[in-house]
Amino acid sequence: MAAELAAALPAVVLALGVAVGAVAAAATQVSLEQSAGAAARAAGRGDAPGDYGEGAAVRIEQQGELVCAVLSRQVLAGALELTARSCAHGGGR
């Protein structure tokens, strides 16, 4: 019994680590999407969109009347890059 447990324990620990990492990455993606929306609205008003980046790299793009914010952040020790994009009307300028 002890030998089977010792053999299976590393696989269980690895599976738990992957599950926790996936949940953390999903939560970060949701936060990044909300921040991208806030940054796009701020850029549309003429405010500083970088204040809404929360540590992510912020890039602003102009597409006709739309102002788009693209936020990206490295997660899981740099193994994965998450990106979120949101656009808002640039009429506030």
PDB file of N, CA and C in Angstrom:
ATOM      1  N   MET A   1       0.817  -1.189   0.000  1.00  0.00           N
ATOM      2  CA  MET A   1       0.000   0.000   0.000  1.00  0.00           C
ATOM      3  C   MET A   1       0.863   1.255   0.000  1.00  0.00           C
ATOM      4  N   ALA A   2       1.890   1.274   0.801  1.00  0.00           N
ATOM      5  CA  ALA A   2       2.754   2.450   0.899  1.00  0.00           C
ATOM      6  C   ALA A   2       3.526   2.670  -0.401  1.00  0.00           C
ATOM      7  N   ALA A   3       3.924   1.578  -1.044  1.00  0.00           N
ATOM      8  CA  ALA A   3       4.676   1.711  -2.289  1.00  0.00           C
ATOM      9  C   ALA A   3       3.800   2.300  -3.398  1.00  0.00           C
ATOM     10  N   GLU A   4       2.537   1.877  -3.450  1.00  0.00           N
ATOM     11  CA  GLU A   4       1.624   2.422  -4.454  1.00  0.00           C
ATOM     12  C   GLU A   4       1.366   3.904  -4.213  1.00  0.00           C
ATOM     13  N   LEU A   5       1.215   4.276  -2.962  1.00  0.00           N
ATOM     14  CA  LEU A   5       0.997   5.679  -2.618  1.00  0.00           C
ATOM     15  C   LEU A   5       2.225   6.508  -2.969  1.00  0.00           C
ATOM     16  N   ALA A   6       3.398   6.000  -2.680  1.00  0.00           N
ATOM     17  CA  ALA A   6       4.629   6.722  -3.003  1.00  0.00           C
ATOM     18  C   ALA A   6       4.814   6.865  -4.508  1.00  0.00           C
ATOM     19  N   ALA A   7       4.365   5.911  -5.270  1.00  0.00           N
ATOM     20  CA  ALA A   7       4.494   5.980  -6.723  1.00  0.00           C
ATOM     21  C   ALA A   7       3.467   6.946  -7.329  1.00  0.00           C
ATOM     22  N   ALA A   8       2.280   7.023  -6.741  1.00  0.00           N
ATOM     23  CA  ALA A   8       1.224   7.862  -7.290  1.00  0.00           C
ATOM     24  C   ALA A   8       1.281   9.310  -6.812  1.00  0.00           C
ATOM     25  N   LEU A   9       1.935   9.560  -5.701  1.00  0.00           N
ATOM     26  CA  LEU A   9       1.951  10.897  -5.112  1.00  0.00           C
ATOM     27  C   LEU A   9       2.521  11.975  -6.039  1.00  0.00           C
ATOM     28  N   PRO A  10       3.631  11.746  -6.731  1.00  0.00           N
ATOM     29  CA  PRO A  10       4.110  12.795  -7.650  1.00  0.00           C
ATOM     30  C   PRO A  10       3.116  13.142  -8.753  1.00  0.00           C
ATOM     31  N   ALA A  11       2.410  12.159  -9.278  1.00  0.00           N
ATOM     32  CA  ALA A  11       1.412  12.424 -10.316  1.00  0.00           C
ATOM     33  C   ALA A  11       0.250  13.234  -9.761  1.00  0.00           C
ATOM     34  N   VAL A  12      -0.172  12.953  -8.546  1.00  0.00           N
ATOM     35  CA  VAL A  12      -1.261  13.693  -7.913  1.00  0.00           C
ATOM     36  C   VAL A  12      -0.836  15.138  -7.664  1.00  0.00           C
ATOM     37  N   VAL A  13       0.385  15.325  -7.179  1.00  0.00           N
ATOM     38  CA  VAL A  13       0.889  16.673  -6.919  1.00  0.00           C
ATOM     39  C   VAL A  13       0.996  17.454  -8.234  1.00  0.00           C
ATOM     40  N   LEU A  14       1.462  16.823  -9.285  1.00  0.00           N
ATOM     41  CA  LEU A  14       1.561  17.477 -10.588  1.00  0.00           C
ATOM     42  C   LEU A  14       0.180  17.852 -11.120  1.00  0.00           C
ATOM     43  N   ALA A  15      -0.786  16.959 -11.008  1.00  0.00           N
ATOM     44  CA  ALA A  15      -2.144  17.250 -11.473  1.00  0.00           C
ATOM     45  C   ALA A  15      -2.755  18.405 -10.686  1.00  0.00           C
ATOM     46  N   LEU A  16      -2.532  18.448  -9.388  1.00  0.00           N
ATOM     47  CA  LEU A  16      -3.028  19.557  -8.578  1.00  0.00           C
ATOM     48  C   LEU A  16      -2.364  20.871  -8.975  1.00  0.00           C
ATOM     49  N   GLY A  17      -1.072  20.827  -9.248  1.00  0.00           N
ATOM     50  CA  GLY A  17      -0.354  22.033  -9.667  1.00  0.00           C
ATOM     51  C   GLY A  17      -0.864  22.570 -10.994  1.00  0.00           C
ATOM     52  N   VAL A  18      -1.125  21.676 -11.934  1.00  0.00           N
ATOM     53  CA  VAL A  18      -1.659  22.087 -13.234  1.00  0.00           C
ATOM     54  C   VAL A  18      -3.059  22.676 -13.065  1.00  0.00           C
ATOM     55  N   ALA A  19      -3.882  22.064 -12.227  1.00  0.00           N
ATOM     56  CA  ALA A  19      -5.238  22.567 -12.006  1.00  0.00           C
ATOM     57  C   ALA A  19      -5.219  23.949 -11.364  1.00  0.00           C
ATOM     58  N   VAL A  20      -4.381  24.140 -10.371  1.00  0.00           N
ATOM     59  CA  VAL A  20      -4.287  25.442  -9.716  1.00  0.00           C
ATOM     60  C   VAL A  20      -3.756  26.493 -10.697  1.00  0.00           C
ATOM     61  N   GLY A  21      -2.774  26.140 -11.502  1.00  0.00           N
ATOM     62  CA  GLY A  21      -2.242  27.063 -12.509  1.00  0.00           C
ATOM     63  C   GLY A  21      -3.279  27.452 -13.544  1.00  0.00           C
ATOM     64  N   ALA A  22      -4.107  26.498 -13.953  1.00  0.00           N
ATOM     65  CA  ALA A  22      -5.147  26.782 -14.941  1.00  0.00           C
ATOM     66  C   ALA A  22      -6.207  27.719 -14.367  1.00  0.00           C
ATOM     67  N   VAL A  23      -6.590  27.512 -13.126  1.00  0.00           N
ATOM     68  CA  VAL A  23      -7.574  28.389 -12.489  1.00  0.00           C
ATOM     69  C   VAL A  23      -6.995  29.793 -12.319  1.00  0.00           C
ATOM     70  N   ALA A  24      -5.740  29.888 -11.923  1.00  0.00           N
ATOM     71  CA  ALA A  24      -5.099  31.197 -11.766  1.00  0.00           C
ATOM     72  C   ALA A  24      -4.997  31.923 -13.104  1.00  0.00           C
ATOM     73  N   ALA A  25      -4.672  31.204 -14.166  1.00  0.00           N
ATOM     74  CA  ALA A  25      -4.582  31.818 -15.492  1.00  0.00           C
ATOM     75  C   ALA A  25      -5.954  32.290 -15.969  1.00  0.00           C
ATOM     76  N   ALA A  26      -6.994  31.527 -15.694  1.00  0.00           N
ATOM     77  CA  ALA A  26      -8.345  31.930 -16.091  1.00  0.00           C
ATOM     78  C   ALA A  26      -8.779  33.181 -15.333  1.00  0.00           C
ATOM     79  N   ALA A  27      -8.463  33.253 -14.046  1.00  0.00           N
ATOM     80  CA  ALA A  27      -8.807  34.445 -13.264  1.00  0.00           C
ATOM     81  C   ALA A  27      -8.040  35.659 -13.766  1.00  0.00           C
ATOM     82  N   THR A  28      -6.795  35.462 -14.135  1.00  0.00           N
ATOM     83  CA  THR A  28      -5.995  36.563 -14.675  1.00  0.00           C
ATOM     84  C   THR A  28      -6.553  37.033 -16.007  1.00  0.00           C
ATOM     85  N   GLN A  29      -7.028  36.110 -16.852  1.00  0.00           N
ATOM     86  CA  GLN A  29      -7.610  36.481 -18.145  1.00  0.00           C
ATOM     87  C   GLN A  29      -8.858  37.330 -17.952  1.00  0.00           C
ATOM     88  N   VAL A  30      -9.707  36.963 -17.012  1.00  0.00           N
ATOM     89  CA  VAL A  30     -10.919  37.735 -16.752  1.00  0.00           C
ATOM     90  C   VAL A  30     -10.550  39.139 -16.280  1.00  0.00           C
ATOM     91  N   SER A  31      -9.595  39.227 -15.380  1.00  0.00           N
ATOM     92  CA  SER A  31      -9.147  40.531 -14.893  1.00  0.00           C
ATOM     93  C   SER A  31      -8.540  41.363 -16.012  1.00  0.00           C
ATOM     94  N   LEU A  32      -7.793  40.726 -16.878  1.00  0.00           N
ATOM     95  CA  LEU A  32      -7.166  41.416 -18.001  1.00  0.00           C
ATOM     96  C   LEU A  32      -8.220  41.960 -18.971  1.00  0.00           C
ATOM     97  N   GLU A  33      -9.268  41.195 -19.219  1.00  0.00           N
ATOM     98  CA  GLU A  33     -10.339  41.653 -20.111  1.00  0.00           C
ATOM     99  C   GLU A  33     -11.082  42.844 -19.519  1.00  0.00           C
ATOM    100  N   GLN A  34     -11.323  42.836 -18.211  1.00  0.00           N
ATOM    101  CA  GLN A  34     -11.978  43.967 -17.567  1.00  0.00           C
ATOM    102  C   GLN A  34     -11.088  45.206 -17.610  1.00  0.00           C
ATOM    103  N   SER A  35      -9.800  45.012 -17.394  1.00  0.00           N
ATOM    104  CA  SER A  35      -8.859  46.136 -17.453  1.00  0.00           C
ATOM    105  C   SER A  35      -8.752  46.693 -18.867  1.00  0.00           C
ATOM    106  N   ALA A  36      -8.810  45.824 -19.878  1.00  0.00           N
ATOM    107  CA  ALA A  36      -8.748  46.291 -21.261  1.00  0.00           C
ATOM    108  C   ALA A  36      -9.962  47.157 -21.593  1.00  0.00           C
ATOM    109  N   GLY A  37     -11.131  46.781 -21.099  1.00  0.00           N
ATOM    110  CA  GLY A  37     -12.324  47.594 -21.313  1.00  0.00           C
ATOM    111  C   GLY A  37     -12.197  48.956 -20.663  1.00  0.00           C
ATOM    112  N   ALA A  38     -11.700  48.979 -19.432  1.00  0.00           N
ATOM    113  CA  ALA A  38     -11.528  50.250 -18.727  1.00  0.00           C
ATOM    114  C   ALA A  38     -10.477  51.117 -19.414  1.00  0.00           C
ATOM    115  N   ALA A  39      -9.397  50.502 -19.887  1.00  0.00           N
ATOM    116  CA  ALA A  39      -8.346  51.269 -20.576  1.00  0.00           C
ATOM    117  C   ALA A  39      -8.854  51.826 -21.898  1.00  0.00           C
ATOM    118  N   ALA A  40      -9.659  51.064 -22.623  1.00  0.00           N
ATOM    119  CA  ALA A  40     -10.211  51.549 -23.893  1.00  0.00           C
ATOM    120  C   ALA A  40     -11.160  52.721 -23.659  1.00  0.00           C
ATOM    121  N   ARG A  41     -11.997  52.618 -22.642  1.00  0.00           N
ATOM    122  CA  ARG A  41     -12.905  53.731 -22.339  1.00  0.00           C
ATOM    123  C   ARG A  41     -12.122  54.972 -21.910  1.00  0.00           C
ATOM    124  N   ALA A  42     -11.058  54.768 -21.119  1.00  0.00           N
ATOM    125  CA  ALA A  42     -10.235  55.903 -20.691  1.00  0.00           C
ATOM    126  C   ALA A  42      -9.559  56.560 -21.895  1.00  0.00           C
ATOM    127  N   ALA A  43      -9.030  55.747 -22.809  1.00  0.00           N
ATOM    128  CA  ALA A  43      -8.376  56.299 -23.999  1.00  0.00           C
ATOM    129  C   ALA A  43      -9.390  57.025 -24.872  1.00  0.00           C
ATOM    130  N   GLY A  44     -10.623  56.535 -24.927  1.00  0.00           N
ATOM    131  CA  GLY A  44     -11.666  57.195 -25.698  1.00  0.00           C
ATOM    132  C   GLY A  44     -12.028  58.557 -25.123  1.00  0.00           C
ATOM    133  N   ARG A  45     -11.907  58.689 -23.802  1.00  0.00           N
ATOM    134  CA  ARG A  45     -12.189  59.969 -23.148  1.00  0.00           C
ATOM    135  C   ARG A  45     -11.007  60.916 -23.196  1.00  0.00           C
ATOM    136  N   GLY A  46      -9.829  60.377 -23.528  1.00  0.00           N
ATOM    137  CA  GLY A  46      -8.624  61.198 -23.545  1.00  0.00           C
ATOM    138  C   GLY A  46      -7.828  61.103 -22.268  1.00  0.00           C
ATOM    139  N   ASP A  47      -8.192  60.188 -21.359  1.00  0.00           N
ATOM    140  CA  ASP A  47      -7.450  59.979 -20.120  1.00  0.00           C
ATOM    141  C   ASP A  47      -6.271  59.047 -20.372  1.00  0.00           C
ATOM    142  N   ALA A  48      -5.436  58.883 -19.366  1.00  0.00           N
ATOM    143  CA  ALA A  48      -4.271  57.994 -19.471  1.00  0.00           C
ATOM    144  C   ALA A  48      -4.721  56.541 -19.304  1.00  0.00           C
ATOM    145  N   PRO A  49      -4.634  55.730 -20.357  1.00  0.00           N
ATOM    146  CA  PRO A  49      -5.086  54.346 -20.252  1.00  0.00           C
ATOM    147  C   PRO A  49      -4.133  53.452 -19.472  1.00  0.00           C
ATOM    148  N   GLY A  50      -2.893  53.873 -19.314  1.00  0.00           N
ATOM    149  CA  GLY A  50      -1.918  53.057 -18.606  1.00  0.00           C
ATOM    150  C   GLY A  50      -2.247  52.862 -17.146  1.00  0.00           C
ATOM    151  N   ASP A  51      -3.072  53.742 -16.579  1.00  0.00           N
ATOM    152  CA  ASP A  51      -3.455  53.618 -15.179  1.00  0.00           C
ATOM    153  C   ASP A  51      -4.324  52.397 -14.934  1.00  0.00           C
ATOM    154  N   TYR A  52      -4.920  51.853 -15.986  1.00  0.00           N
ATOM    155  CA  TYR A  52      -5.822  50.716 -15.857  1.00  0.00           C
ATOM    156  C   TYR A  52      -5.149  49.396 -16.208  1.00  0.00           C
ATOM    157  N   GLY A  53      -3.871  49.428 -16.528  1.00  0.00           N
ATOM    158  CA  GLY A  53      -3.174  48.232 -16.981  1.00  0.00           C
ATOM    159  C   GLY A  53      -2.886  47.217 -15.911  1.00  0.00           C
ATOM    160  N   GLU A  54      -2.826  47.605 -14.663  1.00  0.00           N
ATOM    161  CA  GLU A  54      -2.549  46.700 -13.540  1.00  0.00           C
ATOM    162  C   GLU A  54      -1.325  45.829 -13.783  1.00  0.00           C
ATOM    163  N   GLY A  55      -0.254  46.430 -14.224  1.00  0.00           N
ATOM    164  CA  GLY A  55       0.984  45.688 -14.423  1.00  0.00           C
ATOM    165  C   GLY A  55       1.124  45.020 -15.775  1.00  0.00           C
ATOM    166  N   ALA A  56       0.137  45.143 -16.625  1.00  0.00           N
ATOM    167  CA  ALA A  56       0.197  44.539 -17.953  1.00  0.00           C
ATOM    168  C   ALA A  56       0.762  45.545 -18.955  1.00  0.00           C
ATOM    169  N   ALA A  57       1.267  45.037 -20.055  1.00  0.00           N
ATOM    170  CA  ALA A  57       1.729  45.896 -21.141  1.00  0.00           C
ATOM    171  C   ALA A  57       0.499  46.412 -21.877  1.00  0.00           C
ATOM    172  N   VAL A  58       0.412  47.741 -22.031  1.00  0.00           N
ATOM    173  CA  VAL A  58      -0.750  48.371 -22.647  1.00  0.00           C
ATOM    174  C   VAL A  58      -0.350  48.954 -24.000  1.00  0.00           C
ATOM    175  N   ARG A  59      -1.133  48.635 -25.037  1.00  0.00           N
ATOM    176  CA  ARG A  59      -0.923  49.201 -26.363  1.00  0.00           C
ATOM    177  C   ARG A  59      -2.260  49.769 -26.839  1.00  0.00           C
ATOM    178  N   ILE A  60      -2.240  51.011 -27.316  1.00  0.00           N
ATOM    179  CA  ILE A  60      -3.446  51.672 -27.798  1.00  0.00           C
ATOM    180  C   ILE A  60      -3.392  51.741 -29.317  1.00  0.00           C
ATOM    181  N   GLU A  61      -4.504  51.353 -29.959  1.00  0.00           N
ATOM    182  CA  GLU A  61      -4.607  51.377 -31.418  1.00  0.00           C
ATOM    183  C   GLU A  61      -5.820  52.210 -31.812  1.00  0.00           C
ATOM    184  N   GLN A  62      -5.670  52.971 -32.877  1.00  0.00           N
ATOM    185  CA  GLN A  62      -6.769  53.776 -33.420  1.00  0.00           C
ATOM    186  C   GLN A  62      -7.314  53.074 -34.650  1.00  0.00           C
ATOM    187  N   GLN A  63      -8.619  52.824 -34.695  1.00  0.00           N
ATOM    188  CA  GLN A  63      -9.250  52.190 -35.845  1.00  0.00           C
ATOM    189  C   GLN A  63     -10.487  53.001 -36.215  1.00  0.00           C
ATOM    190  N   GLY A  64     -10.291  54.002 -37.039  1.00  0.00           N
ATOM    191  CA  GLY A  64     -11.396  54.880 -37.408  1.00  0.00           C
ATOM    192  C   GLY A  64     -11.855  55.665 -36.194  1.00  0.00           C
ATOM    193  N   GLU A  65     -13.130  55.540 -35.852  1.00  0.00           N
ATOM    194  CA  GLU A  65     -13.665  56.230 -34.686  1.00  0.00           C
ATOM    195  C   GLU A  65     -13.432  55.454 -33.393  1.00  0.00           C
ATOM    196  N   LEU A  66     -12.934  54.239 -33.508  1.00  0.00           N
ATOM    197  CA  LEU A  66     -12.717  53.412 -32.327  1.00  0.00           C
ATOM    198  C   LEU A  66     -11.300  53.562 -31.800  1.00  0.00           C
ATOM    199  N   VAL A  67     -11.186  53.501 -30.476  1.00  0.00           N
ATOM    200  CA  VAL A  67      -9.898  53.441 -29.803  1.00  0.00           C
ATOM    201  C   VAL A  67      -9.841  52.076 -29.123  1.00  0.00           C
ATOM    202  N   CYS A  68      -8.835  51.290 -29.448  1.00  0.00           N
ATOM    203  CA  CYS A  68      -8.732  49.935 -28.909  1.00  0.00           C
ATOM    204  C   CYS A  68      -7.532  49.835 -27.968  1.00  0.00           C
ATOM    205  N   ALA A  69      -7.737  49.151 -26.860  1.00  0.00           N
ATOM    206  CA  ALA A  69      -6.669  48.878 -25.904  1.00  0.00           C
ATOM    207  C   ALA A  69      -6.357  47.388 -25.960  1.00  0.00           C
ATOM    208  N   VAL A  70      -5.083  47.077 -26.104  1.00  0.00           N
ATOM    209  CA  VAL A  70      -4.625  45.689 -26.117  1.00  0.00           C
ATOM    210  C   VAL A  70      -3.697  45.525 -24.926  1.00  0.00           C
ATOM    211  N   LEU A  71      -4.079  44.665 -23.987  1.00  0.00           N
ATOM    212  CA  LEU A  71      -3.280  44.405 -22.800  1.00  0.00           C
ATOM    213  C   LEU A  71      -2.720  43.003 -22.874  1.00  0.00           C
ATOM    214  N   SER A  72      -1.475  42.828 -22.470  1.00  0.00           N
ATOM    215  CA  SER A  72      -0.876  41.491 -22.440  1.00  0.00           C
ATOM    216  C   SER A  72      -0.039  41.346 -21.179  1.00  0.00           C
ATOM    217  N   ARG A  73      -0.023  40.128 -20.674  1.00  0.00           N
ATOM    218  CA  ARG A  73       0.706  39.836 -19.437  1.00  0.00           C
ATOM    219  C   ARG A  73       1.213  38.401 -19.473  1.00  0.00           C
ATOM    220  N   GLN A  74       2.423  38.204 -18.990  1.00  0.00           N
ATOM    221  CA  GLN A  74       3.003  36.865 -18.859  1.00  0.00           C
ATOM    222  C   GLN A  74       2.512  36.238 -17.552  1.00  0.00           C
ATOM    223  N   VAL A  75       2.115  34.977 -17.600  1.00  0.00           N
ATOM    224  CA  VAL A  75       1.689  34.243 -16.413  1.00  0.00           C
ATOM    225  C   VAL A  75       2.396  32.895 -16.372  1.00  0.00           C
ATOM    226  N   LEU A  76       2.253  32.208 -15.267  1.00  0.00           N
ATOM    227  CA  LEU A  76       2.849  30.892 -15.055  1.00  0.00           C
ATOM    228  C   LEU A  76       4.353  30.925 -15.317  1.00  0.00           C
ATOM    229  N   ALA A  77       5.014  31.881 -14.690  1.00  0.00           N
ATOM    230  CA  ALA A  77       6.471  32.044 -14.779  1.00  0.00           C
ATOM    231  C   ALA A  77       6.931  32.238 -16.227  1.00  0.00           C
ATOM    232  N   GLY A  78       6.118  32.937 -17.015  1.00  0.00           N
ATOM    233  CA  GLY A  78       6.482  33.235 -18.392  1.00  0.00           C
ATOM    234  C   GLY A  78       6.156  32.140 -19.385  1.00  0.00           C
ATOM    235  N   ALA A  79       5.506  31.078 -18.931  1.00  0.00           N
ATOM    236  CA  ALA A  79       5.180  29.972 -19.830  1.00  0.00           C
ATOM    237  C   ALA A  79       4.000  30.288 -20.742  1.00  0.00           C
ATOM    238  N   LEU A  80       3.200  31.297 -20.367  1.00  0.00           N
ATOM    239  CA  LEU A  80       1.988  31.604 -21.115  1.00  0.00           C
ATOM    240  C   LEU A  80       1.806  33.116 -21.148  1.00  0.00           C
ATOM    241  N   GLU A  81       1.449  33.642 -22.316  1.00  0.00           N
ATOM    242  CA  GLU A  81       1.145  35.066 -22.440  1.00  0.00           C
ATOM    243  C   GLU A  81      -0.346  35.218 -22.707  1.00  0.00           C
ATOM    244  N   LEU A  82      -1.008  35.974 -21.837  1.00  0.00           N
ATOM    245  CA  LEU A  82      -2.428  36.239 -21.997  1.00  0.00           C
ATOM    246  C   LEU A  82      -2.608  37.608 -22.631  1.00  0.00           C
ATOM    247  N   THR A  83      -3.583  37.730 -23.509  1.00  0.00           N
ATOM    248  CA  THR A  83      -3.849  38.988 -24.208  1.00  0.00           C
ATOM    249  C   THR A  83      -5.347  39.255 -24.187  1.00  0.00           C
ATOM    250  N   ALA A  84      -5.709  40.513 -23.968  1.00  0.00           N
ATOM    251  CA  ALA A  84      -7.113  40.931 -24.023  1.00  0.00           C
ATOM    252  C   ALA A  84      -7.195  42.214 -24.842  1.00  0.00           C
ATOM    253  N   ARG A  85      -8.273  42.349 -25.595  1.00  0.00           N
ATOM    254  CA  ARG A  85      -8.457  43.514 -26.454  1.00  0.00           C
ATOM    255  C   ARG A  85      -9.879  44.023 -26.281  1.00  0.00           C
ATOM    256  N   SER A  86     -10.012  45.334 -26.175  1.00  0.00           N
ATOM    257  CA  SER A  86     -11.323  45.960 -26.065  1.00  0.00           C
ATOM    258  C   SER A  86     -11.283  47.298 -26.778  1.00  0.00           C
ATOM    259  N   CYS A  87     -12.412  47.676 -27.379  1.00  0.00           N
ATOM    260  CA  CYS A  87     -12.498  48.931 -28.114  1.00  0.00           C
ATOM    261  C   CYS A  87     -13.623  49.784 -27.558  1.00  0.00           C
ATOM    262  N   ALA A  88     -13.459  51.093 -27.695  1.00  0.00           N
ATOM    263  CA  ALA A  88     -14.471  52.050 -27.267  1.00  0.00           C
ATOM    264  C   ALA A  88     -14.508  53.185 -28.283  1.00  0.00           C
ATOM    265  N   HIS A  89     -15.612  53.898 -28.305  1.00  0.00           N
ATOM    266  CA  HIS A  89     -15.768  55.034 -29.216  1.00  0.00           C
ATOM    267  C   HIS A  89     -14.838  56.153 -28.776  1.00  0.00           C
ATOM    268  N   GLY A  90     -14.143  56.743 -29.726  1.00  0.00           N
ATOM    269  CA  GLY A  90     -13.185  57.789 -29.407  1.00  0.00           C
ATOM    270  C   GLY A  90     -13.779  59.179 -29.435  1.00  0.00           C
ATOM    271  N   GLY A  91     -15.073  59.300 -29.293  1.00  0.00           N
ATOM    272  CA  GLY A  91     -15.740  60.590 -29.377  1.00  0.00           C
ATOM    273  C   GLY A  91     -15.482  61.522 -28.214  1.00  0.00           C
ATOM    274  N   GLY A  92     -14.870  61.042 -27.156  1.00  0.00           N
ATOM    275  CA  GLY A  92     -14.625  61.883 -25.989  1.00  0.00           C
ATOM    276  C   GLY A  92     -13.442  62.784 -26.137  1.00  0.00           C
ATOM    277  N   ARG A  93     -12.714  62.671 -27.232  1.00  0.00           N
ATOM    278  CA  ARG A  93     -11.496  63.474 -27.407  1.00  0.00           C
ATOM    279  C   ARG A  93     -11.820  64.841 -27.896  1.00  0.00           C
TER     280      ARG A  93
END
